[in-house]
Amino acid sequence: MLDLVQVQGFVAVAEELHFGRAARRLNLTPSPLSRQVQALEHALGTPLLDRSSRSVRLTPAGQAFLGEARRLLDGARNAERVARQVARGEAGPVRLGYTAASALGVLPRLVAAIRSEMPGIDLVLEEMVTAEQVEALAARRLDLGLLRPLAPDLAPEVEGVRIAFACLARERLLLALPDDHPLCRRGHVSLRELDGQPFITWSPRGGTYFLGLLANIFRSAGVAPRAVQRVNQTHTMLALVREGIGLALVPESARALRTEGVVLLPLRPETDQRAELLLGWREGDNHPALARLRDLALTQQVLSDQQT
């Protein structure tokens, strides 16, 4: 294994071609510098310099070694810089999970804020449903998650690991209906008018949170829409609405999809039920960047509640 101090000494001598000048450059005296170069030559098994009382010249091996030595020192300096940046939370990989719906609004704004405020962070994005994110956080396969509230009885149990949550956004639900539907002539729709209507709703596999949210809304209003199709993704739901398969309640962030042939209308009277998006992380995690990332996410104005 090469000694970097010896390599640095050789590079100084090779560039100055003079032991005295090279020693002054390194704040040494010529004798210890000469011993460093000799030790390096011994380790390599070949002379790197031709020395005489009047001059110092590179041998062919020394000429070949000089370029590699410079790259070695550059690599060492870069490794030192990266290690210090990671220790300060300024660089390094961060694995962020997100739900498909969060990619419509919160995720892009959060990524833009991280790129602006913490450009050294290597952000790795992973799309997962909420239960998968909680499990991945507990197993240290994710560092942060953008996810929906999860019922305690559905949360995976991992001994010794606690996941903390904070609300990033609350958005109202809008009624999605095809643009030729009679209700489109209104500026809003009453929940009572949804009773018995064909409805496209969420699949139990990926939409447990939304299923529970919609069930509470319909139960409170005393209505019972008729489920005709269950899907996992908002964009699929809107595509089916466009084709007249049924109506749907979707988060307001679905406006970003701008699905042609689909109208999004508010409910009146407006329900106080909101779709929450949470930031999740492991309690006690010593990842240097996580505390700063959490603060950035929670204080960015772009992550404030959806306006009604």
Foldseek 3Di string as FASTA:
>chain_A
DDDLVLLQLLLLCAVVQDQCVSQVVVVHHSPVSVVSPVVRCVVVVHHQWDDDPVTIHGDPVVVVVNVVSVVVVVVVVVVVVQVVCQLQLQADEAEEEEEQLCVLAQVVVLVVLCCVPRVRYDYHYDYDFAQVVLVCQQVVVHAKYWYFDDPPVSHDDDPPWDKDKDWQAWFFKWKKAFCVDPCVVDQAAALQVQAQWEEEEADCVRPVVRVVLVVVVCVVVVGDYHYDYHYRDPVVRNVCRQVVRTMYIDTPSCVSVVDPRMDIHAYPVHDPRIGTIMMMGIPPDPRNNSVVSVVSSRPDPSRYYDDD
